[in-house]
Amino acid sequence: MSKLRLFATSAFVVAFGVGVYATSAQAQDLIFPFNLFQGHAAQQSSAAQQTSLPTDLQENVQPTRQLVDDPTGQTAGNITIDTSTKYLYLSLGDGKAMRYGVGVGRDGFHWTGHVYIARKAEWPDWTPPEAMLERRPELPTYMAGGIDNPLGARALYLFNGNGDTQFRIHGTNEPDTIGHAVSSGCIRMLNIDVEDLYNRVKVGTKVNVI
């Protein structure tokens, strides 16, 4: 590994909680240690981040994705998230699916339903909900996309018939949380996995959370 890569890994990979878009009042009280990176990411250019940052800065992290027999019964192109097993399945057709390990909502933040991807973003920016800012005024009102951003390398924005659910499928800078129920409702993936999923799906993709 180059010295530049080592510097990028050690200097910027900071672990903290994600899944910050839950809509319940309880979710807005999520402890969010912004002081770990305050003033750094907010000054970065989102456009520059999107074009210059690799997604595999998490050293020694291997992708979780595997080609498996599809247990969902869904048609090709649909996503199923099994919150009990903490797997996300992308149905491929012919009885096969791409399976990814995910992190899901912790106790009190579990949800299920039928949603769809309404937007895709690379190195997404983060704007905390107003209700969260009311409870945590120390949080930034805006954070540019980048390695320090809790949404990670990619985000898929989940909507339903009422509009934005405020939940996302997104990357993380806390890879050890994958496979656990730790978020406020968002679906976390390794950056290297969410980039793969991002490239396979399109806006309008159906997502079934069970």
C-alpha atoms as a PDB file:
ATOM      1  CA  MET A   1       0.000   0.000   0.000  1.00  0.00           C
ATOM      2  CA  SER A   2       1.355   3.440  -0.890  1.00  0.00           C
ATOM      3  CA  LYS A   3       2.265   6.024   1.744  1.00  0.00           C
ATOM      4  CA  LEU A   4      -0.460   8.273   0.353  1.00  0.00           C
ATOM      5  CA  ARG A   5      -3.056   5.518   0.780  1.00  0.00           C
ATOM      6  CA  LEU A   6      -1.873   4.802   4.330  1.00  0.00           C
ATOM      7  CA  PHE A   7      -2.152   8.463   5.180  1.00  0.00           C
ATOM      8  CA  ALA A   8      -5.661   8.676   3.768  1.00  0.00           C
ATOM      9  CA  THR A   9      -6.732   5.616   5.706  1.00  0.00           C
ATOM     10  CA  SER A  10      -5.296   6.638   9.048  1.00  0.00           C
ATOM     11  CA  ALA A  11      -6.169  10.306   8.817  1.00  0.00           C
ATOM     12  CA  PHE A  12      -9.739  10.171   7.694  1.00  0.00           C
ATOM     13  CA  VAL A  13     -11.503   6.918   8.601  1.00  0.00           C
ATOM     14  CA  VAL A  14     -13.489   7.851  11.728  1.00  0.00           C
ATOM     15  CA  ALA A  15     -16.141   5.527  13.141  1.00  0.00           C
ATOM     16  CA  PHE A  16     -19.467   6.776  14.459  1.00  0.00           C
ATOM     17  CA  GLY A  17     -23.177   5.934  14.264  1.00  0.00           C
ATOM     18  CA  VAL A  18     -25.308   6.181  11.142  1.00  0.00           C
ATOM     19  CA  GLY A  19     -28.946   5.573  10.317  1.00  0.00           C
ATOM     20  CA  VAL A  20     -29.730   9.132  11.357  1.00  0.00           C
ATOM     21  CA  TYR A  21     -32.848   9.595   9.294  1.00  0.00           C
ATOM     22  CA  ALA A  22     -35.432   7.783  11.440  1.00  0.00           C
ATOM     23  CA  THR A  23     -38.623   9.786  11.695  1.00  0.00           C
ATOM     24  CA  SER A  24     -39.751   8.929  15.231  1.00  0.00           C
ATOM     25  CA  ALA A  25     -39.177  11.377  18.081  1.00  0.00           C
ATOM     26  CA  GLN A  26     -37.041   8.731  19.762  1.00  0.00           C
ATOM     27  CA  ALA A  27     -34.831   8.453  16.726  1.00  0.00           C
ATOM     28  CA  GLN A  28     -34.142  12.169  16.742  1.00  0.00           C
ATOM     29  CA  ASP A  29     -32.444  11.779  20.125  1.00  0.00           C
ATOM     30  CA  LEU A  30     -29.789   9.492  18.656  1.00  0.00           C
ATOM     31  CA  ILE A  31     -26.405  10.257  20.194  1.00  0.00           C
ATOM     32  CA  PHE A  32     -24.201  11.473  17.381  1.00  0.00           C
ATOM     33  CA  PRO A  33     -20.556  12.266  18.249  1.00  0.00           C
ATOM     34  CA  PHE A  34     -20.043  15.010  15.721  1.00  0.00           C
ATOM     35  CA  ASN A  35     -17.204  16.454  17.777  1.00  0.00           C
ATOM     36  CA  LEU A  36     -14.971  13.689  16.369  1.00  0.00           C
ATOM     37  CA  PHE A  37     -14.829  15.405  13.017  1.00  0.00           C
ATOM     38  CA  GLN A  38     -16.386  18.844  13.480  1.00  0.00           C
ATOM     39  CA  GLY A  39     -15.165  21.429  11.061  1.00  0.00           C
ATOM     40  CA  HIS A  40     -13.356  18.996   8.780  1.00  0.00           C
ATOM     41  CA  ALA A  41     -15.857  17.468   6.369  1.00  0.00           C
ATOM     42  CA  ALA A  42     -18.060  20.548   6.301  1.00  0.00           C
ATOM     43  CA  GLN A  43     -15.252  22.444   4.625  1.00  0.00           C
ATOM     44  CA  GLN A  44     -14.688  19.865   1.916  1.00  0.00           C
ATOM     45  CA  SER A  45     -16.050  20.150  -1.585  1.00  0.00           C
ATOM     46  CA  SER A  46     -18.773  17.581  -2.222  1.00  0.00           C
ATOM     47  CA  ALA A  47     -18.072  17.556  -5.950  1.00  0.00           C
ATOM     48  CA  ALA A  48     -14.377  16.953  -5.349  1.00  0.00           C
ATOM     49  CA  GLN A  49     -15.150  14.112  -2.966  1.00  0.00           C
ATOM     50  CA  GLN A  50     -17.380  12.403  -5.512  1.00  0.00           C
ATOM     51  CA  THR A  51     -14.686  12.356  -8.164  1.00  0.00           C
ATOM     52  CA  SER A  52     -11.544  11.707  -6.136  1.00  0.00           C
ATOM     53  CA  LEU A  53     -12.305   9.297  -3.286  1.00  0.00           C
ATOM     54  CA  PRO A  54     -12.040   5.524  -3.575  1.00  0.00           C
ATOM     55  CA  THR A  55     -14.624   3.482  -1.708  1.00  0.00           C
ATOM     56  CA  ASP A  56     -12.263   0.875  -0.272  1.00  0.00           C
ATOM     57  CA  LEU A  57     -10.372   2.988   2.251  1.00  0.00           C
ATOM     58  CA  GLN A  58     -11.464   0.633   5.027  1.00  0.00           C
ATOM     59  CA  GLU A  59      -8.287  -1.409   5.268  1.00  0.00           C
ATOM     60  CA  ASN A  60      -8.665  -5.197   5.462  1.00  0.00           C
ATOM     61  CA  VAL A  61     -12.430  -5.004   4.857  1.00  0.00           C
ATOM     62  CA  GLN A  62     -13.653  -7.634   2.403  1.00  0.00           C
ATOM     63  CA  PRO A  63     -16.984  -7.410   0.555  1.00  0.00           C
ATOM     64  CA  THR A  64     -19.820  -9.485   1.985  1.00  0.00           C
ATOM     65  CA  ARG A  65     -21.628 -10.014  -1.310  1.00  0.00           C
ATOM     66  CA  GLN A  66     -22.279 -13.534  -2.521  1.00  0.00           C
ATOM     67  CA  LEU A  67     -24.243 -15.078  -5.367  1.00  0.00           C
ATOM     68  CA  VAL A  68     -26.849 -17.326  -3.705  1.00  0.00           C
ATOM     69  CA  ASP A  69     -30.103 -19.118  -4.394  1.00  0.00           C
ATOM     70  CA  ASP A  70     -32.838 -16.505  -4.134  1.00  0.00           C
ATOM     71  CA  PRO A  71     -35.071 -17.119  -1.088  1.00  0.00           C
ATOM     72  CA  THR A  72     -37.322 -14.110  -1.705  1.00  0.00           C
ATOM     73  CA  GLY A  73     -39.504 -15.154  -4.633  1.00  0.00           C
ATOM     74  CA  GLN A  74     -39.163 -11.651  -6.077  1.00  0.00           C
ATOM     75  CA  THR A  75     -38.756 -10.819  -9.739  1.00  0.00           C
ATOM     76  CA  ALA A  76     -35.397  -9.809 -11.161  1.00  0.00           C
ATOM     77  CA  GLY A  77     -34.312  -6.314 -10.210  1.00  0.00           C
ATOM     78  CA  ASN A  78     -36.180  -6.109  -6.899  1.00  0.00           C
ATOM     79  CA  ILE A  79     -34.482  -5.674  -3.520  1.00  0.00           C
ATOM     80  CA  THR A  80     -35.517  -7.519  -0.367  1.00  0.00           C
ATOM     81  CA  ILE A  81     -34.088  -6.599   3.036  1.00  0.00           C
ATOM     82  CA  ASP A  82     -34.488  -9.280   5.700  1.00  0.00           C
ATOM     83  CA  THR A  83     -34.002  -7.392   8.959  1.00  0.00           C
ATOM     84  CA  SER A  84     -34.014 -10.597  11.020  1.00  0.00           C
ATOM     85  CA  THR A  85     -31.071 -12.190   9.203  1.00  0.00           C
ATOM     86  CA  LYS A  86     -29.507  -8.819   8.323  1.00  0.00           C
ATOM     87  CA  TYR A  87     -29.165  -9.585   4.648  1.00  0.00           C
ATOM     88  CA  LEU A  88     -30.094  -7.584   1.582  1.00  0.00           C
ATOM     89  CA  TYR A  89     -30.997  -9.549  -1.546  1.00  0.00           C
ATOM     90  CA  LEU A  90     -30.981  -8.212  -5.079  1.00  0.00           C
ATOM     91  CA  SER A  91     -32.994 -10.683  -7.162  1.00  0.00           C
ATOM     92  CA  LEU A  92     -31.230 -11.491 -10.434  1.00  0.00           C
ATOM     93  CA  GLY A  93     -33.677 -13.944 -12.019  1.00  0.00           C
ATOM     94  CA  ASP A  94     -33.288 -17.655 -12.748  1.00  0.00           C
ATOM     95  CA  GLY A  95     -33.557 -18.381  -9.025  1.00  0.00           C
ATOM     96  CA  LYS A  96     -30.425 -16.422  -8.118  1.00  0.00           C
ATOM     97  CA  ALA A  97     -29.765 -13.332  -6.020  1.00  0.00           C
ATOM     98  CA  MET A  98     -26.827 -11.200  -4.950  1.00  0.00           C
ATOM     99  CA  ARG A  99     -26.744 -11.200  -1.155  1.00  0.00           C
ATOM    100  CA  TYR A 100     -25.093  -8.498   0.965  1.00  0.00           C
ATOM    101  CA  GLY A 101     -24.604  -8.199   4.700  1.00  0.00           C
ATOM    102  CA  VAL A 102     -26.231  -5.107   6.202  1.00  0.00           C
ATOM    103  CA  GLY A 103     -26.752  -3.284   9.465  1.00  0.00           C
ATOM    104  CA  VAL A 104     -30.358  -2.537  10.432  1.00  0.00           C
ATOM    105  CA  GLY A 105     -32.387  -0.583  12.973  1.00  0.00           C
ATOM    106  CA  ARG A 106     -31.779  -1.351  16.616  1.00  0.00           C
ATOM    107  CA  ASP A 107     -34.566  -2.089  19.120  1.00  0.00           C
ATOM    108  CA  GLY A 108     -37.233   0.588  18.877  1.00  0.00           C
ATOM    109  CA  PHE A 109     -36.184   1.584  15.356  1.00  0.00           C
ATOM    110  CA  HIS A 110     -37.254  -1.495  13.428  1.00  0.00           C
ATOM    111  CA  TRP A 111     -39.572  -0.948  10.466  1.00  0.00           C
ATOM    112  CA  THR A 112     -40.960  -2.898   7.527  1.00  0.00           C
ATOM    113  CA  GLY A 113     -42.770  -1.969   4.349  1.00  0.00           C
ATOM    114  CA  HIS A 114     -42.748  -1.557   0.601  1.00  0.00           C
ATOM    115  CA  VAL A 115     -40.689   1.365  -0.686  1.00  0.00           C
ATOM    116  CA  TYR A 116     -38.722   2.277  -3.782  1.00  0.00           C
ATOM    117  CA  ILE A 117     -35.494   4.024  -4.716  1.00  0.00           C
ATOM    118  CA  ALA A 118     -36.315   7.593  -5.695  1.00  0.00           C
ATOM    119  CA  ARG A 119     -32.795   8.990  -5.832  1.00  0.00           C
ATOM    120  CA  LYS A 120     -29.179   7.822  -5.986  1.00  0.00           C
ATOM    121  CA  ALA A 121     -26.148   9.794  -4.802  1.00  0.00           C
ATOM    122  CA  GLU A 122     -22.381   9.298  -4.779  1.00  0.00           C
ATOM    123  CA  TRP A 123     -20.602  10.535  -1.645  1.00  0.00           C
ATOM    124  CA  PRO A 124     -23.894  12.050  -0.475  1.00  0.00           C
ATOM    125  CA  ASP A 125     -24.189  15.193   1.574  1.00  0.00           C
ATOM    126  CA  TRP A 126     -26.004  14.995   4.913  1.00  0.00           C
ATOM    127  CA  THR A 127     -28.609  17.430   6.233  1.00  0.00           C
ATOM    128  CA  PRO A 128     -30.005  16.442   9.647  1.00  0.00           C
ATOM    129  CA  PRO A 129     -33.811  16.602  10.021  1.00  0.00           C
ATOM    130  CA  GLU A 130     -35.152  19.692  11.783  1.00  0.00           C
ATOM    131  CA  ALA A 131     -36.492  17.652  14.683  1.00  0.00           C
ATOM    132  CA  MET A 132     -33.044  16.197  15.298  1.00  0.00           C
ATOM    133  CA  LEU A 133     -31.468  19.639  15.228  1.00  0.00           C
ATOM    134  CA  GLU A 134     -33.957  20.838  17.812  1.00  0.00           C
ATOM    135  CA  ARG A 135     -32.822  18.104  20.168  1.00  0.00           C
ATOM    136  CA  ARG A 136     -29.148  18.214  19.219  1.00  0.00           C
ATOM    137  CA  PRO A 137     -28.318  21.838  18.407  1.00  0.00           C
ATOM    138  CA  GLU A 138     -24.599  21.031  18.397  1.00  0.00           C
ATOM    139  CA  LEU A 139     -25.005  19.026  15.178  1.00  0.00           C
ATOM    140  CA  PRO A 140     -24.089  20.632  11.872  1.00  0.00           C
ATOM    141  CA  THR A 141     -26.951  21.829   9.721  1.00  0.00           C
ATOM    142  CA  TYR A 142     -25.115  20.434   6.714  1.00  0.00           C
ATOM    143  CA  MET A 143     -22.171  18.135   6.048  1.00  0.00           C
ATOM    144  CA  ALA A 144     -20.528  17.713   2.680  1.00  0.00           C
ATOM    145  CA  GLY A 145     -20.060  14.212   1.332  1.00  0.00           C
ATOM    146  CA  GLY A 146     -16.789  12.520   2.161  1.00  0.00           C
ATOM    147  CA  ILE A 147     -15.039   9.866   4.198  1.00  0.00           C
ATOM    148  CA  ASP A 148     -16.143  11.408   7.496  1.00  0.00           C
ATOM    149  CA  ASN A 149     -19.784  11.596   6.441  1.00  0.00           C
ATOM    150  CA  PRO A 150     -22.006   8.940   8.120  1.00  0.00           C
ATOM    151  CA  LEU A 151     -23.745   8.131   4.824  1.00  0.00           C
ATOM    152  CA  GLY A 152     -20.556   6.710   3.358  1.00  0.00           C
ATOM    153  CA  ALA A 153     -19.735   6.286  -0.302  1.00  0.00           C
ATOM    154  CA  ARG A 154     -23.217   5.890  -1.785  1.00  0.00           C
ATOM    155  CA  ALA A 155     -26.839   6.434  -0.760  1.00  0.00           C
ATOM    156  CA  LEU A 156     -30.126   5.125  -2.134  1.00  0.00           C
ATOM    157  CA  TYR A 157     -33.058   7.269  -0.970  1.00  0.00           C
ATOM    158  CA  LEU A 158     -36.202   5.323  -0.059  1.00  0.00           C
ATOM    159  CA  PHE A 159     -39.639   6.764  -0.785  1.00  0.00           C
ATOM    160  CA  ASN A 160     -43.190   5.430  -0.538  1.00  0.00           C
ATOM    161  CA  GLY A 161     -46.615   6.706  -1.579  1.00  0.00           C
ATOM    162  CA  ASN A 162     -46.358   9.508   0.975  1.00  0.00           C
ATOM    163  CA  GLY A 163     -42.966  10.704  -0.221  1.00  0.00           C
ATOM    164  CA  ASP A 164     -39.577  10.551   1.468  1.00  0.00           C
ATOM    165  CA  THR A 165     -39.436   7.986   4.277  1.00  0.00           C
ATOM    166  CA  GLN A 166     -36.236   9.604   5.577  1.00  0.00           C
ATOM    167  CA  PHE A 167     -34.618   6.142   5.458  1.00  0.00           C
ATOM    168  CA  ARG A 168     -31.696   5.301   3.194  1.00  0.00           C
ATOM    169  CA  ILE A 169     -29.626   2.363   2.083  1.00  0.00           C
ATOM    170  CA  HIS A 170     -26.149   3.792   2.459  1.00  0.00           C
ATOM    171  CA  GLY A 171     -22.490   3.130   3.118  1.00  0.00           C
ATOM    172  CA  THR A 172     -20.756   3.477   6.441  1.00  0.00           C
ATOM    173  CA  ASN A 173     -17.429   4.436   7.955  1.00  0.00           C
ATOM    174  CA  GLU A 174     -18.093   1.952  10.761  1.00  0.00           C
ATOM    175  CA  PRO A 175     -17.689  -1.438   9.031  1.00  0.00           C
ATOM    176  CA  ASP A 176     -17.779  -3.431  12.275  1.00  0.00           C
ATOM    177  CA  THR A 177     -21.493  -2.648  12.622  1.00  0.00           C
ATOM    178  CA  ILE A 178     -22.474  -4.644   9.548  1.00  0.00           C
ATOM    179  CA  GLY A 179     -24.490  -7.683  10.598  1.00  0.00           C
ATOM    180  CA  HIS A 180     -25.862  -5.935  13.677  1.00  0.00           C
ATOM    181  CA  ALA A 181     -29.000  -4.019  14.671  1.00  0.00           C
ATOM    182  CA  VAL A 182     -27.458  -0.667  15.502  1.00  0.00           C
ATOM    183  CA  SER A 183     -28.951   2.110  13.377  1.00  0.00           C
ATOM    184  CA  SER A 184     -31.981   4.367  13.709  1.00  0.00           C
ATOM    185  CA  GLY A 185     -33.667   2.609  10.799  1.00  0.00           C
ATOM    186  CA  CYS A 186     -31.359   3.203   7.861  1.00  0.00           C
ATOM    187  CA  ILE A 187     -29.831   0.176   6.135  1.00  0.00           C
ATOM    188  CA  ARG A 188     -26.047   0.265   6.333  1.00  0.00           C
ATOM    189  CA  MET A 189     -23.675  -1.480   3.965  1.00  0.00           C
ATOM    190  CA  LEU A 190     -19.932  -1.639   3.574  1.00  0.00           C
ATOM    191  CA  ASN A 191     -18.785   1.078   1.202  1.00  0.00           C
ATOM    192  CA  ILE A 192     -17.406  -1.512  -1.193  1.00  0.00           C
ATOM    193  CA  ASP A 193     -20.758  -3.360  -1.153  1.00  0.00           C
ATOM    194  CA  VAL A 194     -23.006  -0.331  -1.492  1.00  0.00           C
ATOM    195  CA  GLU A 195     -20.976   0.807  -4.488  1.00  0.00           C
ATOM    196  CA  ASP A 196     -21.594  -2.574  -6.127  1.00  0.00           C
ATOM    197  CA  LEU A 197     -25.335  -2.428  -5.384  1.00  0.00           C
ATOM    198  CA  TYR A 198     -25.499   1.197  -6.550  1.00  0.00           C
ATOM    199  CA  ASN A 199     -24.113   0.190  -9.938  1.00  0.00           C
ATOM    200  CA  ARG A 200     -26.637  -2.639 -10.318  1.00  0.00           C
ATOM    201  CA  VAL A 201     -29.896  -0.817  -9.508  1.00  0.00           C
ATOM    202  CA  LYS A 202     -31.742   2.165 -10.921  1.00  0.00           C
ATOM    203  CA  VAL A 203     -34.162   4.807  -9.722  1.00  0.00           C
ATOM    204  CA  GLY A 204     -37.575   3.197  -9.366  1.00  0.00           C
ATOM    205  CA  THR A 205     -36.255  -0.113  -8.030  1.00  0.00           C
ATOM    206  CA  LYS A 206     -38.718  -1.711  -5.610  1.00  0.00           C
ATOM    207  CA  VAL A 207     -37.491  -2.427  -2.091  1.00  0.00           C
ATOM    208  CA  ASN A 208     -39.314  -4.781   0.269  1.00  0.00           C
ATOM    209  CA  VAL A 209     -38.258  -4.503   3.920  1.00  0.00           C
ATOM    210  CA  ILE A 210     -39.363  -7.460   6.032  1.00  0.00           C
END
